[in-house]
Protein backbone atom coordinates (compact mmCIF):
# COMPACT_ATOMS: atom_id res chain seq x y z
CA MET A 1 99.55 85.89 95.84
CA ILE A 2 96.85 87.99 97.67
CA LYS A 3 98.80 87.53 101.00
CA LEU A 4 102.18 88.61 99.37
CA ILE A 5 100.43 91.80 97.96
CA VAL A 6 98.92 92.58 101.45
CA ALA A 7 102.41 91.93 102.94
CA LEU A 8 104.08 94.15 100.41
CA LEU A 9 101.55 97.11 100.85
CA LEU A 10 102.00 96.84 104.79
CA ILE A 11 105.86 96.99 104.37
CA PHE A 12 105.61 99.99 101.95
CA ALA A 13 103.25 101.75 104.36
CA LEU A 14 105.21 101.03 107.58
CA GLY A 15 108.61 101.68 105.91
CA LEU A 16 107.30 105.24 104.85
CA LEU A 17 105.77 105.95 108.36
CA GLY A 18 109.13 105.09 109.88
CA LEU A 19 111.01 107.49 107.52
CA ILE A 20 108.50 110.18 108.27
CA ILE A 21 108.92 109.79 112.00
CA TRP A 22 112.52 109.86 111.63
CA GLN A 23 112.29 113.19 109.81
CA VAL A 24 110.24 114.70 112.47
CA ILE A 25 112.72 113.64 115.13
CA LYS A 26 115.56 114.88 112.93
CA GLN A 27 114.02 118.25 111.96
CA ARG A 28 111.99 118.93 114.94
CA PRO A 29 109.39 121.06 113.18
CA LYS A 30 106.78 123.16 114.86
CA MET A 31 103.86 120.66 115.34
CA THR A 32 100.59 122.54 116.45
CA TRP A 33 97.33 121.05 117.01
CA ARG A 34 95.81 123.52 114.64
CA ASP A 35 98.08 122.29 111.83
CA GLN A 36 97.29 118.72 112.83
CA LEU A 37 93.46 119.42 112.64
CA LEU A 38 93.81 121.22 109.41
CA GLY A 39 95.83 118.14 108.04
CA PHE A 40 93.12 115.84 109.37
CA GLY A 41 90.47 117.80 107.62
CA ILE A 42 92.14 117.82 104.22
CA GLY A 43 93.41 114.40 104.36
CA GLY A 44 90.02 113.02 105.57
CA LEU A 45 87.93 114.79 102.83
CA THR A 46 90.36 114.31 99.82
CA ASP A 47 90.99 110.50 100.72
CA PHE A 48 87.18 110.02 101.33
CA LEU A 49 86.70 111.41 97.67
CA ASP A 50 89.70 109.49 96.37
CA THR A 51 88.01 106.16 97.69
CA LEU A 52 84.79 107.04 95.82
CA GLY A 53 86.74 107.59 92.74
CA VAL A 54 86.97 111.32 92.51
CA GLY A 55 90.77 111.43 92.90
CA SER A 56 92.78 113.18 95.58
CA PHE A 57 95.59 115.18 93.90
CA VAL A 58 93.19 117.89 92.31
CA THR A 59 91.26 118.30 95.49
CA THR A 60 94.38 118.44 97.60
CA THR A 61 95.97 121.03 95.29
CA THR A 62 92.82 123.22 95.45
CA LEU A 63 92.72 123.01 99.34
CA PHE A 64 96.39 123.63 99.73
CA GLY A 65 95.97 126.86 97.68
CA TRP A 66 92.85 127.97 99.75
CA THR A 67 94.42 127.44 103.01
CA HIS A 68 98.01 128.56 102.10
CA TYR A 69 99.25 125.12 103.37
CA LEU A 70 102.68 125.29 101.81
CA ASP A 71 105.33 127.86 102.10
CA ASP A 72 106.96 126.77 99.12
CA GLU A 73 105.16 125.57 95.78
CA ARG A 74 108.40 123.27 95.10
CA GLN A 75 107.19 121.10 97.98
CA LEU A 76 103.66 120.48 96.38
CA PRO A 77 104.29 117.23 94.31
CA GLY A 78 106.40 115.67 97.14
CA THR A 79 104.04 116.50 100.10
CA MET A 80 100.89 115.30 98.16
CA ASN A 81 102.66 111.97 97.32
CA MET A 82 104.03 111.41 100.83
CA ALA A 83 100.74 112.60 102.76
CA HIS A 84 98.59 110.36 100.51
CA ALA A 85 100.66 107.31 100.42
CA ILE A 86 99.56 105.51 103.51
CA PRO A 87 95.81 106.35 102.95
CA THR A 88 96.27 105.06 99.54
CA VAL A 89 97.58 101.74 101.00
CA ALA A 90 94.59 101.51 103.05
CA GLU A 91 92.43 101.94 99.81
CA ALA A 92 94.37 99.17 98.10
CA LEU A 93 93.96 96.92 101.14
CA PHE A 94 90.03 97.33 100.93
CA PHE A 95 89.66 96.93 97.05
CA VAL A 96 92.75 95.41 95.21
CA THR A 97 92.15 91.87 96.42
CA ALA A 98 88.30 91.99 95.60
CA VAL A 99 88.66 91.94 91.84
CA LYS A 100 90.39 89.20 89.89
CA VAL A 101 92.94 90.35 87.23
CA ASP A 102 95.83 88.73 85.41
CA ILE A 103 98.80 88.71 87.88
CA LEU A 104 101.37 89.18 85.10
CA THR A 105 99.59 92.18 83.65
CA MET A 106 99.11 93.88 87.03
CA GLY A 107 102.57 93.03 88.32
CA ALA A 108 104.36 94.32 85.17
CA MET A 109 102.15 97.54 84.96
CA VAL A 110 102.59 98.36 88.65
CA ILE A 111 106.32 97.79 88.65
CA ALA A 112 106.65 100.00 85.61
CA ALA A 113 104.68 102.75 87.47
CA ILE A 114 107.06 102.57 90.41
CA ILE A 115 110.17 102.82 88.19
CA GLY A 116 108.54 105.72 86.24
CA SER A 117 107.78 107.52 89.31
CA LEU A 118 111.38 107.24 90.68
CA VAL A 119 112.81 108.43 87.27
CA GLY A 120 110.25 111.37 87.20
CA SER A 121 110.95 112.42 90.76
CA GLU A 122 114.52 112.96 89.89
CA VAL A 123 113.40 115.61 87.33
CA VAL A 124 110.83 117.17 89.57
CA VAL A 125 113.24 117.92 92.49
CA ARG A 126 115.40 119.91 90.11
CA MET A 127 112.52 122.10 89.08
CA ASN A 128 112.24 125.74 90.35
CA ALA A 129 108.97 127.05 91.94
CA ALA A 130 107.84 128.72 88.55
CA VAL A 131 108.21 125.33 86.49
CA ILE A 132 106.46 123.37 89.32
CA GLN A 133 103.44 125.87 89.27
CA LYS A 134 103.25 125.70 85.55
CA THR A 135 103.52 121.89 85.51
CA MET A 136 100.91 121.62 88.23
CA ALA A 137 98.61 124.02 86.22
CA LEU A 138 98.94 121.68 83.03
CA ALA A 139 98.43 118.74 84.97
CA LEU A 140 95.24 120.01 86.70
CA ILE A 141 93.81 121.01 83.31
CA ALA A 142 94.56 117.55 81.64
CA THR A 143 93.05 115.81 84.73
CA SER A 144 89.94 118.01 84.61
CA ILE A 145 89.34 117.37 80.92
CA LEU A 146 89.54 113.64 81.66
CA MET A 147 87.33 113.87 84.69
CA ALA A 148 84.69 115.87 82.43
CA ILE A 149 84.91 113.37 79.62
CA ASN A 150 84.45 110.49 82.08
CA LYS A 151 81.36 112.32 83.74
CA MET A 152 79.83 112.53 80.31
CA GLY A 153 80.19 108.89 79.96
CA TRP A 154 82.50 108.91 76.91
CA ILE A 155 85.38 106.87 78.48
CA SER A 156 83.17 104.08 79.49
CA ILE A 157 81.86 103.68 75.88
CA ILE A 158 85.38 102.61 74.91
CA ALA A 159 85.20 99.48 77.04
CA VAL A 160 81.67 98.41 76.32
CA HIS A 161 82.57 95.15 74.68
CA ASN A 162 85.86 94.54 76.60
CA GLU A 163 86.14 91.19 78.20
CA ALA A 164 89.92 90.57 78.90
CA LEU A 165 91.18 90.45 82.44
CA GLY A 166 94.82 90.44 81.20
CA LEU A 167 97.13 91.54 78.49
CA THR A 168 99.55 89.72 76.26
CA GLY A 169 101.95 90.49 73.33
CA TRP A 170 101.99 94.19 72.19
CA PRO A 171 99.06 95.33 74.30
CA LEU A 172 101.02 94.31 77.37
CA VAL A 173 104.06 96.03 76.11
CA ILE A 174 102.03 99.17 75.43
CA GLY A 175 100.28 98.80 78.83
CA VAL A 176 103.73 98.59 80.61
CA ALA A 177 105.13 101.58 78.69
CA GLY A 178 102.07 103.56 79.29
CA ASN A 179 102.04 103.08 83.09
CA PHE A 180 105.72 103.98 83.20
CA VAL A 181 104.93 107.28 81.80
CA LEU A 182 101.91 107.84 84.09
CA GLY A 183 104.18 106.92 87.02
CA MET A 184 106.47 109.69 85.80
CA LEU A 185 103.71 112.18 85.62
CA MET A 186 102.29 111.19 89.05
CA SER A 187 105.68 112.21 90.57
CA ALA A 188 104.88 115.66 89.19
CA GLY A 189 101.28 115.72 90.69
CA VAL A 190 99.29 114.31 87.83
CA GLY A 191 96.89 111.77 89.12
CA LEU A 192 97.26 108.31 87.71
CA TYR A 193 93.64 106.91 88.15
CA ALA A 194 91.81 108.67 85.06
CA PRO A 195 94.60 108.21 82.55
CA CYS A 196 95.31 104.79 83.55
CA MET A 197 91.70 103.90 83.06
CA VAL A 198 91.63 105.27 79.62
CA LEU A 199 94.80 103.32 78.87
CA VAL A 200 93.50 99.85 79.91
CA TYR A 201 90.15 100.53 78.21
CA PHE A 202 91.91 101.15 74.81
CA LEU A 203 93.91 98.01 75.59
CA GLY A 204 90.75 95.93 75.85
CA LEU A 205 90.54 95.19 79.49
CA LYS A 206 87.26 94.89 81.26
CA PRO A 207 86.39 98.33 83.15
CA ILE A 208 86.50 96.51 86.51
CA ALA A 209 90.07 95.26 85.82
CA ALA A 210 91.25 98.90 85.93
CA PHE A 211 90.63 99.41 89.54
CA PRO A 212 93.13 96.91 91.05
CA ILE A 213 95.83 97.99 88.48
CA MET A 214 95.13 101.72 89.37
CA MET A 215 95.10 101.36 93.20
CA LEU A 216 98.02 99.04 93.58
CA SER A 217 100.16 101.16 91.06
CA CYS A 218 99.55 104.31 93.32
CA ALA A 219 99.76 102.40 96.57
CA MET A 220 103.19 101.18 95.87
CA LEU A 221 104.65 104.02 93.77
CA MET A 222 103.73 106.80 96.22
CA PRO A 223 105.84 105.41 99.19
CA SER A 224 108.60 104.73 96.82
CA VAL A 225 108.75 108.13 95.30
CA SER A 226 108.22 109.76 98.50
CA VAL A 227 111.77 108.44 99.46
CA ASN A 228 113.18 110.62 96.74
CA PHE A 229 111.34 113.72 97.78
CA ILE A 230 112.33 113.25 101.34
CA ARG A 231 115.95 112.82 100.34
CA ASN A 232 115.96 115.95 98.34
CA GLY A 233 114.07 117.93 101.03
CA ARG A 234 111.12 118.71 98.72
CA PHE A 235 108.20 118.08 101.11
CA SER A 236 106.48 119.52 104.20
CA LEU A 237 105.79 117.90 107.66
CA ARG A 238 103.06 120.42 108.34
CA GLY A 239 100.27 118.58 109.96
CA ILE A 240 101.52 115.26 108.47
CA PHE A 241 100.17 112.93 111.13
CA GLY A 242 96.76 114.52 111.13
CA PHE A 243 96.84 114.34 107.37
CA ILE A 244 97.55 110.65 107.46
CA VAL A 245 95.14 109.73 110.17
CA GLY A 246 92.29 111.67 108.57
CA GLY A 247 93.25 110.22 105.23
CA ILE A 248 92.84 106.72 106.62
CA VAL A 249 89.65 107.63 108.42
CA GLY A 250 88.27 109.02 105.13
CA VAL A 251 89.07 105.95 103.34
CA VAL A 252 87.37 103.65 105.90
CA ILE A 253 84.15 105.68 106.02
CA ALA A 254 84.07 105.69 102.19
CA ALA A 255 84.70 101.85 101.93
CA THR A 256 82.58 100.69 104.75
CA VAL A 257 79.98 103.22 105.68
CA VAL A 258 79.06 105.04 102.55
CA LYS A 259 77.26 102.43 100.43
CA SER A 260 75.99 104.80 97.75
CA MET A 261 76.33 108.39 97.42
CA SER A 262 75.44 110.68 94.40
CA LEU A 263 78.59 112.33 93.01
CA GLU A 264 77.17 113.84 89.88
CA VAL A 265 77.03 117.54 91.03
CA LEU A 266 80.05 117.17 93.22
CA GLY A 267 82.14 115.83 90.38
CA TRP A 268 81.21 118.66 88.14
CA LEU A 269 81.98 121.06 90.93
CA ILE A 270 85.27 119.63 91.30
CA VAL A 271 86.09 119.97 87.62
CA VAL A 272 85.08 123.58 87.59
CA VAL A 273 87.11 124.39 90.77
CA SER A 274 90.13 122.42 89.18
CA PHE A 275 90.09 124.66 86.14
CA TRP A 276 90.11 127.81 88.43
CA THR A 277 92.99 126.30 90.55
CA ALA A 278 94.75 125.72 87.31
CA TYR A 279 94.31 129.31 86.24
CA GLN A 280 95.56 130.44 89.59
CA LEU A 281 98.71 128.14 89.55
CA TRP A 282 99.62 129.33 86.04
CA ARG A 283 99.45 132.93 87.12
CA SER A 284 101.66 132.20 90.07
CA GLY A 285 104.06 130.53 87.76
CA ILE A 286 104.33 133.57 85.58
CA ALA A 287 104.87 135.73 88.58
CA SER A 288 107.55 133.37 89.86
CA SER A 289 109.15 133.35 86.51
CA ARG A 290 109.31 137.18 86.52
CA GLN A 291 110.84 137.26 89.91
CA ILE A 292 113.56 134.71 89.04
CA LYS A 293 114.42 136.83 86.01
CA ALA A 294 114.46 140.10 87.90
CA SER A 295 116.78 138.49 90.44
CA LYS A 296 119.52 137.45 87.82
């Protein structure tokens, strides 16, 4: 089964890479070393932190805003999913096979997340810039609150006495339905790690069992949902190869070189910055709404 999981991850990653290369050949975008270096830096930092459990969507949204990385906010969810997909597969290859968890539980929840992301992306690609900005703002607020609660240790309290490595019956049904919804939300830019962790804790799984479910869900849904965003033109190729390479480097460093690192202060700093980014996105969303109304 482990060999099958690894094979599927590699197929998903190589398939997406081939699609990205085809888009570069087809569109012939301006590819500068400056953009590739910027992408390398953002990808390296965000996926380094993602491997350490901080998450990548919140930090990427913030850095994209600071660097004016995107010309069109409607490209934000698609670009993040596409750019982080292959580094996330690298994460999964490092960690998903290291923890034993019930195959039926993991497989069902992962498939549900993939289907949910495909359904959600069909909705996201039809949103205008104002709706995307406001949705991302709300997503950042929700994620930041979960991050803050986790930093205070409240989430881990839920799972203190959990011993299960798999789900059956109604808990499995709830887990599958919940991950379907989380897959939908991830297509809109809502990180899956924190809410998925809360979900499996409430359902009675051991804390360690959350990691393969979270990582495999993201590693397989991100390449899948990227196809929808690419098909609808809701993505940016700016610095894409630098971003992917930087992301993989960040994952490797975090997984092999950094054995221990204090993330307490950094975690709280990211929470604060996330709230500020959410505020800025909400303001931009209001401004975009006014522009849309004025143009009618």
